[in-house]
N, C-alpha and C. Protein backbone atom coordinates (compact mmCIF):
# COMPACT_ATOMS: atom_id res chain seq x y z
N MET A 1 9.94 -24.60 -17.32
CA MET A 1 9.66 -23.17 -17.37
C MET A 1 9.23 -22.73 -15.98
N SER A 2 9.78 -21.66 -15.49
CA SER A 2 9.42 -21.18 -14.15
C SER A 2 8.22 -20.25 -14.23
N ASN A 3 7.49 -20.19 -13.13
CA ASN A 3 6.33 -19.30 -13.05
C ASN A 3 6.79 -17.91 -12.65
N PHE A 4 6.16 -16.90 -13.22
CA PHE A 4 6.47 -15.52 -12.89
C PHE A 4 5.29 -14.94 -12.13
N SER A 5 5.52 -14.54 -10.89
CA SER A 5 4.45 -14.05 -10.03
C SER A 5 4.40 -12.53 -10.08
N LEU A 6 3.21 -11.99 -10.23
CA LEU A 6 3.02 -10.54 -10.20
C LEU A 6 2.63 -10.04 -8.82
N SER A 7 2.56 -10.92 -7.83
CA SER A 7 2.13 -10.51 -6.50
C SER A 7 3.01 -9.42 -5.89
N PRO A 8 4.33 -9.38 -6.11
CA PRO A 8 5.10 -8.26 -5.55
C PRO A 8 4.66 -6.90 -6.08
N LEU A 9 4.09 -6.86 -7.26
CA LEU A 9 3.62 -5.60 -7.82
C LEU A 9 2.48 -5.04 -7.00
N PHE A 10 1.58 -5.89 -6.58
CA PHE A 10 0.39 -5.42 -5.92
C PHE A 10 0.59 -5.23 -4.43
N ARG A 11 1.63 -5.82 -3.85
CA ARG A 11 1.91 -5.63 -2.44
C ARG A 11 2.49 -4.26 -2.17
N ARG A 12 3.12 -3.64 -3.12
CA ARG A 12 3.85 -2.41 -2.90
C ARG A 12 3.13 -1.17 -3.41
N SER A 13 1.92 -1.30 -3.93
CA SER A 13 1.18 -0.15 -4.39
C SER A 13 -0.19 -0.16 -3.76
N ILE A 14 -0.65 1.00 -3.40
CA ILE A 14 -1.94 1.10 -2.76
C ILE A 14 -2.74 2.16 -3.47
N GLY A 15 -3.87 1.76 -4.00
CA GLY A 15 -4.79 2.72 -4.58
C GLY A 15 -4.61 3.02 -6.04
N PHE A 16 -3.70 2.37 -6.71
CA PHE A 16 -3.57 2.61 -8.14
C PHE A 16 -2.92 1.41 -8.81
N ASP A 17 -3.05 1.38 -10.11
CA ASP A 17 -2.55 0.23 -10.87
C ASP A 17 -1.58 0.68 -11.96
N ARG A 18 -0.58 1.42 -11.61
CA ARG A 18 0.43 1.84 -12.57
C ARG A 18 1.53 0.80 -12.59
N LEU A 19 1.58 0.02 -13.64
CA LEU A 19 2.52 -1.09 -13.68
C LEU A 19 3.89 -0.72 -14.23
N SER A 20 4.01 0.41 -14.88
CA SER A 20 5.28 0.72 -15.54
C SER A 20 6.45 0.78 -14.56
N ASP A 21 6.31 1.50 -13.45
CA ASP A 21 7.43 1.58 -12.52
C ASP A 21 7.43 0.45 -11.50
N LEU A 22 6.34 -0.30 -11.41
CA LEU A 22 6.28 -1.40 -10.46
C LEU A 22 7.04 -2.62 -10.96
N PHE A 23 7.15 -2.79 -12.29
CA PHE A 23 7.91 -3.91 -12.82
C PHE A 23 9.37 -3.83 -12.39
N ASP A 24 9.91 -2.62 -12.39
CA ASP A 24 11.30 -2.46 -11.95
C ASP A 24 11.48 -2.94 -10.51
N PHE A 25 10.54 -2.58 -9.65
CA PHE A 25 10.64 -2.99 -8.26
C PHE A 25 10.50 -4.51 -8.10
N ALA A 26 9.58 -5.10 -8.86
CA ALA A 26 9.34 -6.55 -8.73
C ALA A 26 10.54 -7.36 -9.17
N LEU A 27 11.32 -6.84 -10.09
CA LEU A 27 12.47 -7.58 -10.59
C LEU A 27 13.70 -7.44 -9.71
N GLN A 28 13.63 -6.60 -8.70
CA GLN A 28 14.75 -6.49 -7.77
C GLN A 28 14.83 -7.77 -6.95
N SER A 29 16.03 -8.23 -6.71
CA SER A 29 16.20 -9.47 -5.95
C SER A 29 16.18 -9.25 -4.45
N ASP A 30 16.33 -8.01 -4.01
CA ASP A 30 16.39 -7.76 -2.58
C ASP A 30 15.05 -7.25 -2.03
N THR A 31 13.96 -7.85 -2.45
CA THR A 31 12.65 -7.49 -1.95
C THR A 31 12.58 -7.82 -0.46
N PRO A 32 12.25 -6.84 0.37
CA PRO A 32 12.24 -7.10 1.81
C PRO A 32 11.10 -8.03 2.21
N ASN A 33 11.37 -8.89 3.17
CA ASN A 33 10.33 -9.78 3.67
C ASN A 33 10.16 -9.62 5.18
N TYR A 34 10.73 -8.58 5.73
CA TYR A 34 10.61 -8.29 7.15
C TYR A 34 10.37 -6.80 7.31
N PRO A 35 9.42 -6.40 8.06
CA PRO A 35 8.47 -7.19 8.84
C PRO A 35 7.33 -7.68 7.96
N HIS A 36 6.61 -8.65 8.45
CA HIS A 36 5.45 -9.15 7.72
C HIS A 36 4.33 -8.13 7.81
N TYR A 37 3.58 -8.00 6.72
CA TYR A 37 2.50 -7.01 6.71
C TYR A 37 1.39 -7.46 5.79
N ASN A 38 0.22 -6.89 6.01
CA ASN A 38 -0.95 -7.11 5.16
C ASN A 38 -1.40 -5.76 4.62
N ILE A 39 -1.92 -5.77 3.41
CA ILE A 39 -2.60 -4.61 2.86
C ILE A 39 -4.02 -5.05 2.57
N GLU A 40 -4.97 -4.41 3.23
CA GLU A 40 -6.37 -4.80 3.14
C GLU A 40 -7.18 -3.69 2.49
N LYS A 41 -8.16 -4.08 1.71
CA LYS A 41 -9.12 -3.12 1.19
C LYS A 41 -10.37 -3.27 2.04
N THR A 42 -10.66 -2.26 2.85
CA THR A 42 -11.76 -2.35 3.80
C THR A 42 -13.04 -1.70 3.30
N GLY A 43 -13.01 -1.07 2.16
CA GLY A 43 -14.18 -0.44 1.55
C GLY A 43 -13.82 -0.02 0.14
N ASP A 44 -14.76 0.62 -0.54
CA ASP A 44 -14.49 1.05 -1.91
C ASP A 44 -13.29 1.99 -2.00
N ASN A 45 -13.15 2.87 -1.01
CA ASN A 45 -12.07 3.84 -1.02
C ASN A 45 -11.22 3.80 0.25
N ASN A 46 -11.29 2.71 0.99
CA ASN A 46 -10.57 2.60 2.25
C ASN A 46 -9.61 1.42 2.24
N TYR A 47 -8.43 1.65 2.81
CA TYR A 47 -7.40 0.62 2.87
C TYR A 47 -6.82 0.59 4.29
N ARG A 48 -6.22 -0.52 4.64
CA ARG A 48 -5.54 -0.65 5.93
C ARG A 48 -4.26 -1.44 5.72
N ILE A 49 -3.19 -0.92 6.29
CA ILE A 49 -1.91 -1.62 6.31
C ILE A 49 -1.73 -2.12 7.74
N SER A 50 -1.49 -3.41 7.90
CA SER A 50 -1.23 -4.00 9.22
C SER A 50 0.18 -4.57 9.19
N ILE A 51 1.00 -4.12 10.13
CA ILE A 51 2.41 -4.52 10.16
C ILE A 51 2.70 -5.22 11.49
N ALA A 52 3.25 -6.42 11.42
CA ALA A 52 3.61 -7.17 12.61
C ALA A 52 4.89 -6.59 13.19
N THR A 53 4.78 -5.94 14.33
CA THR A 53 5.92 -5.27 14.94
C THR A 53 6.13 -5.76 16.37
N ALA A 54 6.02 -7.07 16.54
CA ALA A 54 6.22 -7.64 17.87
C ALA A 54 7.64 -7.35 18.35
N GLY A 55 7.76 -7.00 19.61
CA GLY A 55 9.06 -6.70 20.18
C GLY A 55 9.42 -5.22 20.11
N PHE A 56 8.62 -4.42 19.42
CA PHE A 56 8.84 -2.98 19.34
C PHE A 56 7.81 -2.27 20.22
N ASN A 57 8.20 -1.14 20.77
CA ASN A 57 7.19 -0.30 21.42
C ASN A 57 6.99 0.94 20.56
N GLN A 58 6.02 1.75 20.90
CA GLN A 58 5.66 2.89 20.07
C GLN A 58 6.83 3.86 19.87
N ASP A 59 7.68 3.98 20.86
CA ASP A 59 8.81 4.92 20.77
C ASP A 59 9.84 4.47 19.74
N GLN A 60 9.85 3.20 19.40
CA GLN A 60 10.83 2.68 18.44
C GLN A 60 10.29 2.68 17.01
N LEU A 61 9.03 3.06 16.82
CA LEU A 61 8.41 3.07 15.49
C LEU A 61 8.22 4.51 15.01
N GLU A 62 8.38 4.69 13.70
CA GLU A 62 8.22 6.01 13.11
C GLU A 62 7.52 5.86 11.76
N ILE A 63 6.56 6.74 11.49
CA ILE A 63 5.83 6.74 10.22
C ILE A 63 6.04 8.09 9.57
N ASN A 64 6.50 8.09 8.32
CA ASN A 64 6.72 9.34 7.57
C ASN A 64 6.04 9.23 6.21
N LEU A 65 5.56 10.37 5.73
CA LEU A 65 4.97 10.47 4.40
C LEU A 65 5.66 11.61 3.68
N GLU A 66 6.36 11.27 2.58
CA GLU A 66 7.05 12.29 1.81
C GLU A 66 6.95 11.93 0.33
N ASN A 67 6.48 12.87 -0.47
CA ASN A 67 6.33 12.67 -1.92
C ASN A 67 5.52 11.42 -2.23
N LYS A 68 4.45 11.21 -1.49
CA LYS A 68 3.53 10.09 -1.69
C LYS A 68 4.19 8.74 -1.43
N VAL A 69 5.26 8.71 -0.67
CA VAL A 69 5.88 7.46 -0.25
C VAL A 69 5.74 7.37 1.27
N LEU A 70 5.01 6.36 1.71
CA LEU A 70 4.79 6.11 3.13
C LEU A 70 5.92 5.21 3.61
N THR A 71 6.68 5.68 4.59
CA THR A 71 7.82 4.94 5.10
C THR A 71 7.62 4.65 6.57
N ILE A 72 7.69 3.36 6.92
CA ILE A 72 7.55 2.92 8.30
C ILE A 72 8.91 2.36 8.72
N THR A 73 9.47 2.87 9.79
CA THR A 73 10.76 2.39 10.27
C THR A 73 10.64 1.93 11.72
N GLY A 74 11.39 0.93 12.03
CA GLY A 74 11.49 0.43 13.39
C GLY A 74 12.94 0.35 13.77
N LYS A 75 13.30 0.97 14.88
CA LYS A 75 14.70 0.99 15.31
C LYS A 75 14.82 0.23 16.61
N VAL A 76 15.67 -0.77 16.59
CA VAL A 76 15.90 -1.60 17.76
C VAL A 76 16.91 -0.93 18.67
N VAL A 77 16.59 -0.89 19.95
CA VAL A 77 17.54 -0.41 20.94
C VAL A 77 18.39 -1.60 21.35
N GLU A 78 19.68 -1.46 21.21
CA GLU A 78 20.59 -2.57 21.53
C GLU A 78 20.51 -2.91 23.01
N GLU A 79 20.27 -4.17 23.28
CA GLU A 79 20.23 -4.65 24.65
C GLU A 79 21.53 -5.37 24.96
N LYS A 80 21.94 -5.26 26.20
CA LYS A 80 23.14 -5.98 26.61
C LYS A 80 22.77 -7.44 26.87
N ASN A 81 23.52 -8.35 26.29
CA ASN A 81 23.25 -9.77 26.48
C ASN A 81 23.73 -10.22 27.85
N ASP A 82 22.90 -11.00 28.48
CA ASP A 82 23.24 -11.57 29.78
C ASP A 82 24.23 -12.71 29.55
N PRO A 83 25.40 -12.67 30.13
CA PRO A 83 26.38 -13.74 29.88
C PRO A 83 25.94 -15.09 30.46
N ASN A 84 24.94 -15.09 31.34
CA ASN A 84 24.46 -16.34 31.93
C ASN A 84 23.39 -17.01 31.08
N VAL A 85 22.95 -16.34 30.01
CA VAL A 85 21.88 -16.88 29.16
C VAL A 85 22.50 -17.46 27.90
N GLU A 86 22.10 -18.68 27.61
CA GLU A 86 22.54 -19.34 26.39
C GLU A 86 21.30 -19.68 25.57
N TYR A 87 21.23 -19.15 24.35
CA TYR A 87 20.09 -19.41 23.49
C TYR A 87 20.26 -20.78 22.83
N LEU A 88 19.24 -21.61 22.99
CA LEU A 88 19.21 -22.88 22.26
C LEU A 88 18.60 -22.67 20.88
N TYR A 89 17.66 -21.73 20.82
CA TYR A 89 17.05 -21.34 19.55
C TYR A 89 16.61 -19.89 19.69
N LYS A 90 16.97 -19.07 18.74
CA LYS A 90 16.59 -17.65 18.80
C LYS A 90 15.81 -17.33 17.53
N GLY A 91 14.48 -17.40 17.61
CA GLY A 91 13.62 -17.18 16.45
C GLY A 91 12.90 -15.86 16.46
N ILE A 92 13.01 -15.10 17.55
CA ILE A 92 12.36 -13.80 17.61
C ILE A 92 13.30 -12.77 17.01
N ALA A 93 12.85 -12.18 15.92
CA ALA A 93 13.68 -11.21 15.22
C ALA A 93 13.79 -9.93 16.04
N SER A 94 14.98 -9.43 16.15
CA SER A 94 15.20 -8.16 16.84
C SER A 94 16.14 -7.33 15.98
N ARG A 95 15.63 -6.95 14.84
CA ARG A 95 16.44 -6.14 13.92
C ARG A 95 15.61 -4.95 13.45
N SER A 96 16.29 -3.91 13.12
CA SER A 96 15.63 -2.71 12.62
C SER A 96 15.08 -2.97 11.22
N PHE A 97 14.11 -2.17 10.83
CA PHE A 97 13.53 -2.33 9.50
C PHE A 97 13.12 -0.98 8.94
N LYS A 98 12.94 -0.96 7.63
CA LYS A 98 12.42 0.19 6.92
C LYS A 98 11.54 -0.34 5.80
N LEU A 99 10.27 -0.01 5.85
CA LEU A 99 9.30 -0.47 4.86
C LEU A 99 8.73 0.75 4.15
N SER A 100 8.83 0.80 2.82
CA SER A 100 8.33 1.93 2.05
C SER A 100 7.25 1.46 1.10
N LEU A 101 6.16 2.21 1.06
CA LEU A 101 5.03 1.90 0.19
C LEU A 101 4.65 3.17 -0.57
N ARG A 102 4.46 3.04 -1.87
CA ARG A 102 4.09 4.18 -2.70
C ARG A 102 2.56 4.31 -2.71
N LEU A 103 2.08 5.53 -2.48
CA LEU A 103 0.65 5.80 -2.46
C LEU A 103 0.24 6.55 -3.72
N ASP A 104 -0.99 6.35 -4.13
CA ASP A 104 -1.55 7.09 -5.25
C ASP A 104 -1.71 8.54 -4.81
N GLU A 105 -1.80 9.44 -5.78
CA GLU A 105 -1.88 10.86 -5.46
C GLU A 105 -3.14 11.23 -4.68
N HIS A 106 -4.18 10.41 -4.70
CA HIS A 106 -5.42 10.73 -4.01
C HIS A 106 -5.60 9.94 -2.71
N VAL A 107 -4.62 9.13 -2.33
CA VAL A 107 -4.72 8.34 -1.10
C VAL A 107 -4.09 9.13 0.03
N GLU A 108 -4.84 9.25 1.14
CA GLU A 108 -4.39 10.01 2.29
C GLU A 108 -4.35 9.11 3.52
N VAL A 109 -3.37 9.35 4.38
CA VAL A 109 -3.27 8.62 5.64
C VAL A 109 -4.27 9.23 6.61
N GLN A 110 -5.14 8.39 7.17
CA GLN A 110 -6.16 8.86 8.10
C GLN A 110 -5.68 8.79 9.55
N GLN A 111 -5.17 7.63 9.95
CA GLN A 111 -4.71 7.46 11.33
C GLN A 111 -3.82 6.24 11.42
N ALA A 112 -3.09 6.15 12.53
CA ALA A 112 -2.24 5.00 12.81
C ALA A 112 -2.47 4.59 14.27
N ASP A 113 -2.54 3.29 14.51
CA ASP A 113 -2.74 2.76 15.85
C ASP A 113 -1.75 1.64 16.10
N TYR A 114 -1.41 1.45 17.36
CA TYR A 114 -0.49 0.39 17.75
C TYR A 114 -1.11 -0.37 18.91
N ASP A 115 -1.35 -1.67 18.72
CA ASP A 115 -1.99 -2.46 19.75
C ASP A 115 -1.51 -3.90 19.64
N ASN A 116 -1.05 -4.46 20.76
CA ASN A 116 -0.62 -5.86 20.84
C ASN A 116 0.41 -6.24 19.78
N GLY A 117 1.36 -5.37 19.54
CA GLY A 117 2.43 -5.68 18.59
C GLY A 117 2.03 -5.55 17.13
N LEU A 118 0.88 -4.95 16.85
CA LEU A 118 0.41 -4.78 15.49
C LEU A 118 0.20 -3.29 15.21
N LEU A 119 0.94 -2.77 14.24
CA LEU A 119 0.79 -1.39 13.82
C LEU A 119 -0.19 -1.35 12.66
N THR A 120 -1.27 -0.59 12.79
CA THR A 120 -2.26 -0.47 11.71
C THR A 120 -2.31 0.98 11.25
N ILE A 121 -2.32 1.15 9.94
CA ILE A 121 -2.39 2.47 9.33
C ILE A 121 -3.60 2.48 8.41
N ASP A 122 -4.54 3.36 8.67
CA ASP A 122 -5.75 3.47 7.86
C ASP A 122 -5.56 4.54 6.79
N LEU A 123 -5.93 4.19 5.57
CA LEU A 123 -5.80 5.08 4.43
C LEU A 123 -7.16 5.27 3.78
N GLN A 124 -7.33 6.41 3.11
CA GLN A 124 -8.58 6.66 2.39
C GLN A 124 -8.27 7.34 1.07
N ARG A 125 -8.98 6.89 0.03
CA ARG A 125 -8.84 7.51 -1.29
C ARG A 125 -9.90 8.60 -1.39
N ASN A 126 -9.46 9.84 -1.62
CA ASN A 126 -10.35 10.98 -1.80
C ASN A 126 -10.11 11.55 -3.19
N VAL A 127 -10.89 11.06 -4.14
CA VAL A 127 -10.73 11.50 -5.52
C VAL A 127 -11.61 12.72 -5.75
N PRO A 128 -11.03 13.84 -6.21
CA PRO A 128 -11.84 15.03 -6.48
C PRO A 128 -12.83 14.76 -7.62
N GLU A 129 -13.91 15.51 -7.61
CA GLU A 129 -15.00 15.31 -8.58
C GLU A 129 -14.49 15.36 -10.03
N GLU A 130 -13.60 16.30 -10.32
CA GLU A 130 -13.13 16.45 -11.70
C GLU A 130 -12.23 15.30 -12.14
N ALA A 131 -11.68 14.54 -11.20
CA ALA A 131 -10.82 13.41 -11.55
C ALA A 131 -11.57 12.08 -11.56
N MET A 132 -12.82 12.08 -11.12
CA MET A 132 -13.60 10.84 -11.08
C MET A 132 -14.04 10.42 -12.47
N ALA A 133 -14.21 9.13 -12.63
CA ALA A 133 -14.70 8.61 -13.91
C ALA A 133 -16.15 9.07 -14.10
N ARG A 134 -16.48 9.38 -15.31
CA ARG A 134 -17.86 9.80 -15.60
C ARG A 134 -18.28 9.22 -16.94
N GLN A 135 -19.56 9.07 -17.08
CA GLN A 135 -20.10 8.52 -18.32
C GLN A 135 -20.38 9.66 -19.27
N ILE A 136 -19.96 9.49 -20.52
CA ILE A 136 -20.17 10.50 -21.56
C ILE A 136 -21.38 10.06 -22.37
N PRO A 137 -22.41 10.90 -22.43
CA PRO A 137 -23.60 10.51 -23.20
C PRO A 137 -23.30 10.50 -24.70
N ILE A 138 -23.89 9.56 -25.39
CA ILE A 138 -23.74 9.46 -26.84
C ILE A 138 -24.97 10.11 -27.45
N GLY A 139 -24.75 11.10 -28.27
CA GLY A 139 -25.86 11.81 -28.89
C GLY A 139 -25.64 11.94 -30.37
N ARG A 140 -26.49 12.70 -31.00
CA ARG A 140 -26.34 12.95 -32.42
C ARG A 140 -26.29 14.45 -32.65
N LYS A 141 -25.70 14.81 -33.76
CA LYS A 141 -25.62 16.23 -34.08
C LYS A 141 -27.02 16.75 -34.36
N ASN A 142 -27.26 18.02 -34.06
CA ASN A 142 -28.60 18.60 -34.13
C ASN A 142 -29.18 18.61 -35.55
N ASN A 143 -28.38 18.84 -36.56
CA ASN A 143 -28.89 19.00 -37.91
C ASN A 143 -28.94 17.71 -38.71
N GLU A 144 -28.35 16.63 -38.23
CA GLU A 144 -28.32 15.38 -38.99
C GLU A 144 -29.60 14.60 -38.76
N GLN A 145 -30.05 13.93 -39.83
CA GLN A 145 -31.21 13.07 -39.70
C GLN A 145 -30.74 11.63 -39.58
N VAL A 146 -31.46 10.85 -38.81
CA VAL A 146 -31.09 9.47 -38.56
C VAL A 146 -32.04 8.56 -39.32
N TRP A 147 -31.53 7.44 -39.86
CA TRP A 147 -32.35 6.48 -40.58
C TRP A 147 -33.51 6.04 -39.72
N GLY A 148 -34.63 5.94 -40.27
CA GLY A 148 -35.82 5.48 -39.55
C GLY A 148 -36.45 6.55 -38.69
N ASP A 149 -35.93 7.77 -38.75
CA ASP A 149 -36.49 8.87 -37.97
C ASP A 149 -37.84 9.24 -38.57
N SER A 150 -38.81 9.56 -37.76
CA SER A 150 -40.17 9.85 -38.25
C SER A 150 -40.21 11.14 -39.07
N LYS A 151 -39.25 12.03 -38.92
CA LYS A 151 -39.22 13.28 -39.68
C LYS A 151 -38.92 13.04 -41.14
N THR A 152 -38.24 11.95 -41.51
CA THR A 152 -37.86 11.71 -42.88
C THR A 152 -38.94 11.00 -43.66
N GLN A 153 -39.97 10.56 -43.01
CA GLN A 153 -40.99 9.79 -43.72
C GLN A 153 -42.18 10.61 -44.10
């Protein structure tokens, strides 16, 4: 029997746990594995996405947010190969990418930074007061008497 991993579900969602539409994504066989990235929870309502973008400069990277889908793209500028160079091993990836992450309705992009080949995007969850969880007090109706109440004795 093979193991079924739910980790792809949690890598592609930030700030919410809606599993209904995430199962469809996890079952896709073409899950991208480039570029490598981390999703970190840096506080109760703060998140950070770190994307390894070695070989790209800021002009080749683009970040878009549309309909709560954060899309990071990297476009490689084609370089002319030197005919005098022969690669014995070519392990540095130089291909374009598009990474899309779905955000919860209350998660907002705060800022993006690029340093030493690492693109970091800071996110914050700003839940309005009316949407926050709250405790409902348990009481009794005004006219009902409760067993053991001193008024009934």
